[in-house]
């Protein structure tokens, strides 16, 4: 996956990412192994733009 690329919900699920419920954050958060992926909905509310990937351990600190 590449930063600033857009993905559909089906593409994200096909890659094995699982959505994580988040409070106080407007981003959609997905987990896969040791990585946490941050997405935002695009203007038409159909696709997600990936804007950050961090280590899972950093996210849960």
C-alpha atoms as a PDB file:
ATOM      1  CA  UNK A   1       0.000   0.000   0.000  1.00  0.00           C
ATOM      2  CA  UNK A   2       1.155   3.501  -0.754  1.00  0.00           C
ATOM      3  CA  UNK A   3       0.617   6.746   1.138  1.00  0.00           C
ATOM      4  CA  UNK A   4      -1.828   9.194  -0.548  1.00  0.00           C
ATOM      5  CA  UNK A   5      -3.350   6.459  -2.715  1.00  0.00           C
ATOM      6  CA  UNK A   6      -7.070   5.725  -2.540  1.00  0.00           C
ATOM      7  CA  UNK A   7      -8.539   2.320  -1.835  1.00  0.00           C
ATOM      8  CA  UNK A   8     -12.061   0.925  -1.699  1.00  0.00           C
ATOM      9  CA  UNK A   9     -13.367  -0.848   1.386  1.00  0.00           C
ATOM     10  CA  UNK A  10     -13.213  -4.129  -0.573  1.00  0.00           C
ATOM     11  CA  UNK A  11      -9.535  -3.603  -1.451  1.00  0.00           C
ATOM     12  CA  UNK A  12      -8.686  -2.877   2.172  1.00  0.00           C
ATOM     13  CA  UNK A  13     -10.504  -5.992   3.374  1.00  0.00           C
ATOM     14  CA  UNK A  14      -8.875  -8.138   0.658  1.00  0.00           C
ATOM     15  CA  UNK A  15      -5.462  -7.101   1.982  1.00  0.00           C
ATOM     16  CA  UNK A  16      -6.364  -8.500   5.403  1.00  0.00           C
ATOM     17  CA  UNK A  17      -6.756  -5.213   7.231  1.00  0.00           C
ATOM     18  CA  UNK A  18      -9.259  -5.224  10.089  1.00  0.00           C
ATOM     19  CA  UNK A  19     -10.976  -2.021  11.180  1.00  0.00           C
ATOM     20  CA  UNK A  20     -10.326  -0.894  14.741  1.00  0.00           C
ATOM     21  CA  UNK A  21     -12.934   1.264  16.494  1.00  0.00           C
ATOM     22  CA  UNK A  22     -11.414   4.589  17.503  1.00  0.00           C
ATOM     23  CA  UNK A  23     -12.744   7.360  19.722  1.00  0.00           C
ATOM     24  CA  UNK A  24     -11.970  11.042  19.272  1.00  0.00           C
ATOM     25  CA  UNK A  25     -10.276  10.463  15.915  1.00  0.00           C
ATOM     26  CA  UNK A  26     -11.977  11.166  12.606  1.00  0.00           C
ATOM     27  CA  UNK A  27      -9.678   8.727  10.821  1.00  0.00           C
ATOM     28  CA  UNK A  28     -10.595   5.162   9.987  1.00  0.00           C
ATOM     29  CA  UNK A  29      -8.027   2.885  11.590  1.00  0.00           C
ATOM     30  CA  UNK A  30      -7.147  -0.560  10.301  1.00  0.00           C
ATOM     31  CA  UNK A  31      -4.783  -3.122  11.808  1.00  0.00           C
ATOM     32  CA  UNK A  32      -2.719  -5.790  10.099  1.00  0.00           C
ATOM     33  CA  UNK A  33      -0.026  -7.633  12.021  1.00  0.00           C
ATOM     34  CA  UNK A  34       2.380  -5.091  13.488  1.00  0.00           C
ATOM     35  CA  UNK A  35       1.151  -2.115  11.435  1.00  0.00           C
ATOM     36  CA  UNK A  36      -1.608   0.436  11.978  1.00  0.00           C
ATOM     37  CA  UNK A  37      -3.034   2.147   8.882  1.00  0.00           C
ATOM     38  CA  UNK A  38      -4.825   5.510   9.035  1.00  0.00           C
ATOM     39  CA  UNK A  39      -7.346   6.312   6.328  1.00  0.00           C
ATOM     40  CA  UNK A  40      -9.692   9.207   5.676  1.00  0.00           C
ATOM     41  CA  UNK A  41     -12.789   9.138   3.512  1.00  0.00           C
ATOM     42  CA  UNK A  42     -12.512  11.012   0.245  1.00  0.00           C
ATOM     43  CA  UNK A  43     -14.999  13.653  -0.890  1.00  0.00           C
ATOM     44  CA  UNK A  44     -17.505  11.217  -2.391  1.00  0.00           C
ATOM     45  CA  UNK A  45     -17.457   9.073   0.796  1.00  0.00           C
ATOM     46  CA  UNK A  46     -16.766   5.941  -1.296  1.00  0.00           C
ATOM     47  CA  UNK A  47     -13.008   5.479  -1.102  1.00  0.00           C
ATOM     48  CA  UNK A  48     -10.371   5.793   1.581  1.00  0.00           C
ATOM     49  CA  UNK A  49      -7.097   7.717   1.279  1.00  0.00           C
ATOM     50  CA  UNK A  50      -4.183   6.197   3.174  1.00  0.00           C
ATOM     51  CA  UNK A  51      -2.272   8.963   4.926  1.00  0.00           C
ATOM     52  CA  UNK A  52      -0.177   7.246   7.598  1.00  0.00           C
ATOM     53  CA  UNK A  53       1.244   3.882   8.635  1.00  0.00           C
ATOM     54  CA  UNK A  54       2.775   3.378  12.061  1.00  0.00           C
ATOM     55  CA  UNK A  55       3.965   0.515  14.220  1.00  0.00           C
ATOM     56  CA  UNK A  56       1.182  -1.075  16.264  1.00  0.00           C
ATOM     57  CA  UNK A  57       3.175  -0.776  19.474  1.00  0.00           C
ATOM     58  CA  UNK A  58       3.446   3.020  19.033  1.00  0.00           C
ATOM     59  CA  UNK A  59      -0.301   3.280  18.512  1.00  0.00           C
ATOM     60  CA  UNK A  60      -1.253   1.529  21.730  1.00  0.00           C
ATOM     61  CA  UNK A  61       1.221   3.390  23.993  1.00  0.00           C
END
